[in-house]
Amino acid sequence: MAVAGDKEYIKFMRSDSGMALMITSTLILFVTMCTMMCCQNLLKKVPYNYMILFGYTLSMSVMISGICANTKVELVLMALFMT
């Protein structure tokens, strides 16, 4: 089922560069979550709320894809069907 691009992505996410991307993604996620909790007035202003939402969504998707790349396919599919 996996294509060549998927295998390259999995290899990248298991490397040191992939780990650095995961750490950066986690830090961005933490910063955006703290911003949403502490500066709620920014969530009501138009350009800032889109930037915060974009940062949160992008960092969460990178984190989830990295976790899925480092997990067995059977476990990921099991989690998919259980939800």
PDB file of N, CA and C in Angstrom:
ATOM      1  N   MET A   1       0.802  -1.190   0.000  1.00  0.00           N
ATOM      2  CA  MET A   1       0.000   0.000   0.000  1.00  0.00           C
ATOM      3  C   MET A   1       0.853   1.266   0.000  1.00  0.00           C
ATOM      4  N   ALA A   2       2.015   1.204   0.568  1.00  0.00           N
ATOM      5  CA  ALA A   2       2.852   2.395   0.655  1.00  0.00           C
ATOM      6  C   ALA A   2       3.513   2.664  -0.688  1.00  0.00           C
ATOM      7  N   VAL A   3       3.572   3.935  -1.045  1.00  0.00           N
ATOM      8  CA  VAL A   3       4.255   4.323  -2.277  1.00  0.00           C
ATOM      9  C   VAL A   3       5.644   4.825  -1.924  1.00  0.00           C
ATOM     10  N   ALA A   4       6.437   5.142  -2.942  1.00  0.00           N
ATOM     11  CA  ALA A   4       7.831   5.534  -2.711  1.00  0.00           C
ATOM     12  C   ALA A   4       7.924   6.791  -1.855  1.00  0.00           C
ATOM     13  N   GLY A   5       7.031   7.747  -2.050  1.00  0.00           N
ATOM     14  CA  GLY A   5       7.049   8.974  -1.259  1.00  0.00           C
ATOM     15  C   GLY A   5       6.785   8.716   0.213  1.00  0.00           C
ATOM     16  N   ASP A   6       5.894   7.762   0.489  1.00  0.00           N
ATOM     17  CA  ASP A   6       5.606   7.418   1.880  1.00  0.00           C
ATOM     18  C   ASP A   6       6.829   6.826   2.564  1.00  0.00           C
ATOM     19  N   LYS A   7       7.537   5.963   1.861  1.00  0.00           N
ATOM     20  CA  LYS A   7       8.718   5.333   2.450  1.00  0.00           C
ATOM     21  C   LYS A   7       9.810   6.357   2.727  1.00  0.00           C
ATOM     22  N   GLU A   8       9.952   7.330   1.831  1.00  0.00           N
ATOM     23  CA  GLU A   8      10.944   8.389   2.052  1.00  0.00           C
ATOM     24  C   GLU A   8      10.554   9.254   3.241  1.00  0.00           C
ATOM     25  N   TYR A   9       9.255   9.541   3.395  1.00  0.00           N
ATOM     26  CA  TYR A   9       8.795  10.342   4.519  1.00  0.00           C
ATOM     27  C   TYR A   9       9.014   9.606   5.836  1.00  0.00           C
ATOM     28  N   ILE A  10       8.737   8.321   5.842  1.00  0.00           N
ATOM     29  CA  ILE A  10       8.952   7.530   7.056  1.00  0.00           C
ATOM     30  C   ILE A  10      10.433   7.509   7.415  1.00  0.00           C
ATOM     31  N   LYS A  11      11.289   7.341   6.410  1.00  0.00           N
ATOM     32  CA  LYS A  11      12.730   7.351   6.654  1.00  0.00           C
ATOM     33  C   LYS A  11      13.179   8.714   7.192  1.00  0.00           C
ATOM     34  N   PHE A  12      12.611   9.802   6.639  1.00  0.00           N
ATOM     35  CA  PHE A  12      12.957  11.142   7.106  1.00  0.00           C
ATOM     36  C   PHE A  12      12.506  11.350   8.545  1.00  0.00           C
ATOM     37  N   MET A  13      11.287  10.919   8.878  1.00  0.00           N
ATOM     38  CA  MET A  13      10.774  11.153  10.232  1.00  0.00           C
ATOM     39  C   MET A  13      11.527  10.337  11.275  1.00  0.00           C
ATOM     40  N   ARG A  14      12.177   9.256  10.879  1.00  0.00           N
ATOM     41  CA  ARG A  14      12.958   8.451  11.824  1.00  0.00           C
ATOM     42  C   ARG A  14      14.391   8.949  11.951  1.00  0.00           C
ATOM     43  N   SER A  15      14.774   9.943  11.143  1.00  0.00           N
ATOM     44  CA  SER A  15      16.136  10.474  11.199  1.00  0.00           C
ATOM     45  C   SER A  15      16.226  11.590  12.242  1.00  0.00           C
ATOM     46  N   ASP A  16      17.427  12.121  12.421  1.00  0.00           N
ATOM     47  CA  ASP A  16      17.621  13.220  13.371  1.00  0.00           C
ATOM     48  C   ASP A  16      16.905  14.487  12.912  1.00  0.00           C
ATOM     49  N   SER A  17      16.848  14.724  11.616  1.00  0.00           N
ATOM     50  CA  SER A  17      16.133  15.895  11.098  1.00  0.00           C
ATOM     51  C   SER A  17      14.640  15.782  11.373  1.00  0.00           C
ATOM     52  N   GLY A  18      14.102  14.590  11.248  1.00  0.00           N
ATOM     53  CA  GLY A  18      12.694  14.376  11.561  1.00  0.00           C
ATOM     54  C   GLY A  18      12.409  14.591  13.035  1.00  0.00           C
ATOM     55  N   MET A  19      13.344  14.164  13.879  1.00  0.00           N
ATOM     56  CA  MET A  19      13.170  14.385  15.316  1.00  0.00           C
ATOM     57  C   MET A  19      13.210  15.876  15.644  1.00  0.00           C
ATOM     58  N   ALA A  20      14.088  16.607  14.966  1.00  0.00           N
ATOM     59  CA  ALA A  20      14.134  18.057  15.173  1.00  0.00           C
ATOM     60  C   ALA A  20      12.838  18.708  14.711  1.00  0.00           C
ATOM     61  N   LEU A  21      12.263  18.212  13.618  1.00  0.00           N
ATOM     62  CA  LEU A  21      10.979  18.730  13.153  1.00  0.00           C
ATOM     63  C   LEU A  21       9.878  18.440  14.158  1.00  0.00           C
ATOM     64  N   MET A  22       9.898  17.263  14.751  1.00  0.00           N
ATOM     65  CA  MET A  22       8.893  16.924  15.770  1.00  0.00           C
ATOM     66  C   MET A  22       9.032  17.812  17.003  1.00  0.00           C
ATOM     67  N   ILE A  23      10.255  18.068  17.435  1.00  0.00           N
ATOM     68  CA  ILE A  23      10.470  18.928  18.599  1.00  0.00           C
ATOM     69  C   ILE A  23      10.022  20.350  18.299  1.00  0.00           C
ATOM     70  N   THR A  24      10.352  20.845  17.109  1.00  0.00           N
ATOM     71  CA  THR A  24       9.917  22.184  16.717  1.00  0.00           C
ATOM     72  C   THR A  24       8.400  22.259  16.642  1.00  0.00           C
ATOM     73  N   SER A  25       7.786  21.243  16.103  1.00  0.00           N
ATOM     74  CA  SER A  25       6.331  21.197  16.013  1.00  0.00           C
ATOM     75  C   SER A  25       5.694  21.188  17.402  1.00  0.00           C
ATOM     76  N   THR A  26       6.283  20.455  18.326  1.00  0.00           N
ATOM     77  CA  THR A  26       5.769  20.413  19.688  1.00  0.00           C
ATOM     78  C   THR A  26       5.898  21.774  20.357  1.00  0.00           C
ATOM     79  N   LEU A  27       7.011  22.453  20.142  1.00  0.00           N
ATOM     80  CA  LEU A  27       7.181  23.783  20.719  1.00  0.00           C
ATOM     81  C   LEU A  27       6.192  24.784  20.142  1.00  0.00           C
ATOM     82  N   ILE A  28       5.970  24.735  18.838  1.00  0.00           N
ATOM     83  CA  ILE A  28       4.992  25.635  18.223  1.00  0.00           C
ATOM     84  C   ILE A  28       3.595  25.335  18.742  1.00  0.00           C
ATOM     85  N   LEU A  29       3.269  24.054  18.902  1.00  0.00           N
ATOM     86  CA  LEU A  29       1.974  23.676  19.457  1.00  0.00           C
ATOM     87  C   LEU A  29       1.811  24.208  20.874  1.00  0.00           C
ATOM     88  N   PHE A  30       2.846  24.079  21.682  1.00  0.00           N
ATOM     89  CA  PHE A  30       2.796  24.561  23.058  1.00  0.00           C
ATOM     90  C   PHE A  30       2.607  26.081  23.099  1.00  0.00           C
ATOM     91  N   VAL A  31       3.327  26.795  22.255  1.00  0.00           N
ATOM     92  CA  VAL A  31       3.220  28.262  22.222  1.00  0.00           C
ATOM     93  C   VAL A  31       1.830  28.695  21.772  1.00  0.00           C
ATOM     94  N   THR A  32       1.291  28.050  20.746  1.00  0.00           N
ATOM     95  CA  THR A  32      -0.043  28.442  20.293  1.00  0.00           C
ATOM     96  C   THR A  32      -1.113  28.096  21.314  1.00  0.00           C
ATOM     97  N   MET A  33      -0.952  26.985  22.022  1.00  0.00           N
ATOM     98  CA  MET A  33      -1.929  26.644  23.060  1.00  0.00           C
ATOM     99  C   MET A  33      -1.863  27.630  24.219  1.00  0.00           C
ATOM    100  N   CYS A  34      -0.657  28.024  24.612  1.00  0.00           N
ATOM    101  CA  CYS A  34      -0.526  29.025  25.674  1.00  0.00           C
ATOM    102  C   CYS A  34      -1.090  30.367  25.226  1.00  0.00           C
ATOM    103  N   THR A  35      -0.897  30.706  23.965  1.00  0.00           N
ATOM    104  CA  THR A  35      -1.454  31.945  23.432  1.00  0.00           C
ATOM    105  C   THR A  35      -2.977  31.905  23.462  1.00  0.00           C
ATOM    106  N   MET A  36      -3.548  30.772  23.121  1.00  0.00           N
ATOM    107  CA  MET A  36      -5.004  30.660  23.139  1.00  0.00           C
ATOM    108  C   MET A  36      -5.559  30.733  24.552  1.00  0.00           C
ATOM    109  N   MET A  37      -4.807  30.236  25.531  1.00  0.00           N
ATOM    110  CA  MET A  37      -5.293  30.268  26.910  1.00  0.00           C
ATOM    111  C   MET A  37      -5.075  31.622  27.571  1.00  0.00           C
ATOM    112  N   CYS A  38      -3.939  32.239  27.315  1.00  0.00           N
ATOM    113  CA  CYS A  38      -3.579  33.462  28.041  1.00  0.00           C
ATOM    114  C   CYS A  38      -4.026  34.741  27.332  1.00  0.00           C
ATOM    115  N   CYS A  39      -4.023  34.769  26.038  1.00  0.00           N
ATOM    116  CA  CYS A  39      -4.337  35.986  25.281  1.00  0.00           C
ATOM    117  C   CYS A  39      -5.600  35.773  24.474  1.00  0.00           C
ATOM    118  N   GLN A  40      -6.709  35.602  25.145  1.00  0.00           N
ATOM    119  CA  GLN A  40      -7.950  35.307  24.447  1.00  0.00           C
ATOM    120  C   GLN A  40      -8.449  36.483  23.618  1.00  0.00           C
ATOM    121  N   ASN A  41      -7.985  37.686  23.920  1.00  0.00           N
ATOM    122  CA  ASN A  41      -8.394  38.833  23.114  1.00  0.00           C
ATOM    123  C   ASN A  41      -7.823  38.759  21.698  1.00  0.00           C
ATOM    124  N   LEU A  42      -6.678  38.069  21.522  1.00  0.00           N
ATOM    125  CA  LEU A  42      -6.114  37.906  20.177  1.00  0.00           C
ATOM    126  C   LEU A  42      -6.960  36.980  19.311  1.00  0.00           C
ATOM    127  N   LEU A  43      -7.704  36.081  19.956  1.00  0.00           N
ATOM    128  CA  LEU A  43      -8.528  35.149  19.194  1.00  0.00           C
ATOM    129  C   LEU A  43      -9.738  35.827  18.571  1.00  0.00           C
ATOM    130  N   LYS A  44     -10.006  37.049  18.982  1.00  0.00           N
ATOM    131  CA  LYS A  44     -11.165  37.777  18.459  1.00  0.00           C
ATOM    132  C   LYS A  44     -10.780  38.823  17.426  1.00  0.00           C
ATOM    133  N   LYS A  45      -9.493  38.937  17.127  1.00  0.00           N
ATOM    134  CA  LYS A  45      -9.015  39.889  16.126  1.00  0.00           C
ATOM    135  C   LYS A  45      -8.639  39.138  14.865  1.00  0.00           C
ATOM    136  N   VAL A  46      -9.103  39.667  13.746  1.00  0.00           N
ATOM    137  CA  VAL A  46      -9.085  38.908  12.495  1.00  0.00           C
ATOM    138  C   VAL A  46      -7.722  38.422  12.030  1.00  0.00           C
ATOM    139  N   PRO A  47      -6.694  39.218  11.865  1.00  0.00           N
ATOM    140  CA  PRO A  47      -5.486  38.584  11.306  1.00  0.00           C
ATOM    141  C   PRO A  47      -4.804  37.647  12.294  1.00  0.00           C
ATOM    142  N   TYR A  48      -4.911  37.938  13.584  1.00  0.00           N
ATOM    143  CA  TYR A  48      -4.208  37.130  14.582  1.00  0.00           C
ATOM    144  C   TYR A  48      -4.857  35.768  14.790  1.00  0.00           C
ATOM    145  N   ASN A  49      -6.184  35.728  14.765  1.00  0.00           N
ATOM    146  CA  ASN A  49      -6.826  34.432  15.000  1.00  0.00           C
ATOM    147  C   ASN A  49      -6.531  33.441  13.876  1.00  0.00           C
ATOM    148  N   TYR A  50      -6.391  33.923  12.641  1.00  0.00           N
ATOM    149  CA  TYR A  50      -6.036  33.026  11.545  1.00  0.00           C
ATOM    150  C   TYR A  50      -4.597  32.537  11.669  1.00  0.00           C
ATOM    151  N   MET A  51      -3.693  33.410  12.102  1.00  0.00           N
ATOM    152  CA  MET A  51      -2.297  32.995  12.271  1.00  0.00           C
ATOM    153  C   MET A  51      -2.159  31.968  13.392  1.00  0.00           C
ATOM    154  N   ILE A  52      -2.868  32.188  14.487  1.00  0.00           N
ATOM    155  CA  ILE A  52      -2.823  31.235  15.607  1.00  0.00           C
ATOM    156  C   ILE A  52      -3.420  29.897  15.187  1.00  0.00           C
ATOM    157  N   LEU A  53      -4.549  29.934  14.486  1.00  0.00           N
ATOM    158  CA  LEU A  53      -5.181  28.706  14.019  1.00  0.00           C
ATOM    159  C   LEU A  53      -4.299  27.969  13.018  1.00  0.00           C
ATOM    160  N   PHE A  54      -3.646  28.693  12.116  1.00  0.00           N
ATOM    161  CA  PHE A  54      -2.754  28.073  11.139  1.00  0.00           C
ATOM    162  C   PHE A  54      -1.571  27.404  11.837  1.00  0.00           C
ATOM    163  N   GLY A  55      -0.955  28.091  12.802  1.00  0.00           N
ATOM    164  CA  GLY A  55       0.172  27.512  13.527  1.00  0.00           C
ATOM    165  C   GLY A  55      -0.218  26.275  14.309  1.00  0.00           C
ATOM    166  N   TYR A  56      -1.375  26.328  14.962  1.00  0.00           N
ATOM    167  CA  TYR A  56      -1.858  25.195  15.736  1.00  0.00           C
ATOM    168  C   TYR A  56      -2.144  23.994  14.821  1.00  0.00           C
ATOM    169  N   THR A  57      -2.861  24.240  13.725  1.00  0.00           N
ATOM    170  CA  THR A  57      -3.236  23.157  12.822  1.00  0.00           C
ATOM    171  C   THR A  57      -2.017  22.537  12.147  1.00  0.00           C
ATOM    172  N   LEU A  58      -1.109  23.370  11.678  1.00  0.00           N
ATOM    173  CA  LEU A  58       0.084  22.861  11.010  1.00  0.00           C
ATOM    174  C   LEU A  58       0.965  22.053  11.963  1.00  0.00           C
ATOM    175  N   SER A  59       1.187  22.572  13.164  1.00  0.00           N
ATOM    176  CA  SER A  59       2.039  21.839  14.102  1.00  0.00           C
ATOM    177  C   SER A  59       1.384  20.540  14.565  1.00  0.00           C
ATOM    178  N   MET A  60       0.078  20.553  14.735  1.00  0.00           N
ATOM    179  CA  MET A  60      -0.613  19.325  15.139  1.00  0.00           C
ATOM    180  C   MET A  60      -0.563  18.284  14.021  1.00  0.00           C
ATOM    181  N   SER A  61      -0.717  18.711  12.772  1.00  0.00           N
ATOM    182  CA  SER A  61      -0.678  17.740  11.673  1.00  0.00           C
ATOM    183  C   SER A  61       0.720  17.162  11.488  1.00  0.00           C
ATOM    184  N   VAL A  62       1.758  17.972  11.675  1.00  0.00           N
ATOM    185  CA  VAL A  62       3.129  17.448  11.578  1.00  0.00           C
ATOM    186  C   VAL A  62       3.387  16.454  12.705  1.00  0.00           C
ATOM    187  N   MET A  63       2.903  16.780  13.899  1.00  0.00           N
ATOM    188  CA  MET A  63       3.098  15.879  15.031  1.00  0.00           C
ATOM    189  C   MET A  63       2.381  14.544  14.826  1.00  0.00           C
ATOM    190  N   ILE A  64       1.139  14.593  14.381  1.00  0.00           N
ATOM    191  CA  ILE A  64       0.378  13.358  14.182  1.00  0.00           C
ATOM    192  C   ILE A  64       0.973  12.524  13.054  1.00  0.00           C
ATOM    193  N   SER A  65       1.402  13.172  11.979  1.00  0.00           N
ATOM    194  CA  SER A  65       2.006  12.396  10.885  1.00  0.00           C
ATOM    195  C   SER A  65       3.335  11.782  11.308  1.00  0.00           C
ATOM    196  N   GLY A  66       4.098  12.478  12.139  1.00  0.00           N
ATOM    197  CA  GLY A  66       5.347  11.916  12.646  1.00  0.00           C
ATOM    198  C   GLY A  66       5.119  10.732  13.564  1.00  0.00           C
ATOM    199  N   ILE A  67       4.093  10.835  14.399  1.00  0.00           N
ATOM    200  CA  ILE A  67       3.761   9.720  15.286  1.00  0.00           C
ATOM    201  C   ILE A  67       3.291   8.516  14.466  1.00  0.00           C
ATOM    202  N   CYS A  68       2.463   8.761  13.458  1.00  0.00           N
ATOM    203  CA  CYS A  68       1.984   7.669  12.606  1.00  0.00           C
ATOM    204  C   CYS A  68       3.114   7.046  11.798  1.00  0.00           C
ATOM    205  N   ALA A  69       4.110   7.856  11.412  1.00  0.00           N
ATOM    206  CA  ALA A  69       5.237   7.314  10.643  1.00  0.00           C
ATOM    207  C   ALA A  69       6.107   6.409  11.495  1.00  0.00           C
ATOM    208  N   ASN A  70       6.112   6.613  12.799  1.00  0.00           N
ATOM    209  CA  ASN A  70       6.946   5.811  13.686  1.00  0.00           C
ATOM    210  C   ASN A  70       6.166   4.694  14.370  1.00  0.00           C
ATOM    211  N   THR A  71       4.943   4.459  13.956  1.00  0.00           N
ATOM    212  CA  THR A  71       4.096   3.439  14.560  1.00  0.00           C
ATOM    213  C   THR A  71       3.759   2.388  13.504  1.00  0.00           C
ATOM    214  N   LYS A  72       3.509   1.172  13.941  1.00  0.00           N
ATOM    215  CA  LYS A  72       3.130   0.106  13.010  1.00  0.00           C
ATOM    216  C   LYS A  72       1.807   0.453  12.331  1.00  0.00           C
ATOM    217  N   VAL A  73       1.693   0.042  11.081  1.00  0.00           N
ATOM    218  CA  VAL A  73       0.505   0.348  10.283  1.00  0.00           C
ATOM    219  C   VAL A  73      -0.746  -0.258  10.915  1.00  0.00           C
ATOM    220  N   GLU A  74      -0.619  -1.449  11.457  1.00  0.00           N
ATOM    221  CA  GLU A  74      -1.774  -2.120  12.055  1.00  0.00           C
ATOM    222  C   GLU A  74      -2.333  -1.317  13.226  1.00  0.00           C
ATOM    223  N   LEU A  75      -1.446  -0.744  14.051  1.00  0.00           N
ATOM    224  CA  LEU A  75      -1.907   0.045  15.190  1.00  0.00           C
ATOM    225  C   LEU A  75      -2.569   1.343  14.763  1.00  0.00           C
ATOM    226  N   VAL A  76      -2.048   1.956  13.714  1.00  0.00           N
ATOM    227  CA  VAL A  76      -2.649   3.195  13.220  1.00  0.00           C
ATOM    228  C   VAL A  76      -4.033   2.918  12.653  1.00  0.00           C
ATOM    229  N   LEU A  77      -4.161   1.846  11.886  1.00  0.00           N
ATOM    230  CA  LEU A  77      -5.480   1.480  11.337  1.00  0.00           C
ATOM    231  C   LEU A  77      -6.450   1.087  12.426  1.00  0.00           C
ATOM    232  N   MET A  78      -5.961   0.406  13.457  1.00  0.00           N
ATOM    233  CA  MET A  78      -6.824   0.042  14.570  1.00  0.00           C
ATOM    234  C   MET A  78      -7.347   1.282  15.284  1.00  0.00           C
ATOM    235  N   ALA A  79      -6.476   2.254  15.487  1.00  0.00           N
ATOM    236  CA  ALA A  79      -6.898   3.501  16.122  1.00  0.00           C
ATOM    237  C   ALA A  79      -7.876   4.265  15.237  1.00  0.00           C
ATOM    238  N   LEU A  80      -7.666   4.209  13.922  1.00  0.00           N
ATOM    239  CA  LEU A  80      -8.566   4.869  12.989  1.00  0.00           C
ATOM    240  C   LEU A  80      -9.960   4.274  13.065  1.00  0.00           C
ATOM    241  N   PHE A  81     -10.052   2.954  13.054  1.00  0.00           N
ATOM    242  CA  PHE A  81     -11.355   2.309  13.060  1.00  0.00           C
ATOM    243  C   PHE A  81     -12.028   2.350  14.430  1.00  0.00           C
ATOM    244  N   MET A  82     -11.250   2.480  15.491  1.00  0.00           N
ATOM    245  CA  MET A  82     -11.851   2.563  16.823  1.00  0.00           C
ATOM    246  C   MET A  82     -12.494   3.923  17.073  1.00  0.00           C
ATOM    247  N   THR A  83     -12.007   4.934  16.363  1.00  0.00           N
ATOM    248  CA  THR A  83     -12.624   6.245  16.540  1.00  0.00           C
ATOM    249  C   THR A  83     -13.686   6.402  15.501  1.00  0.00           C
TER     250      THR A  83
END
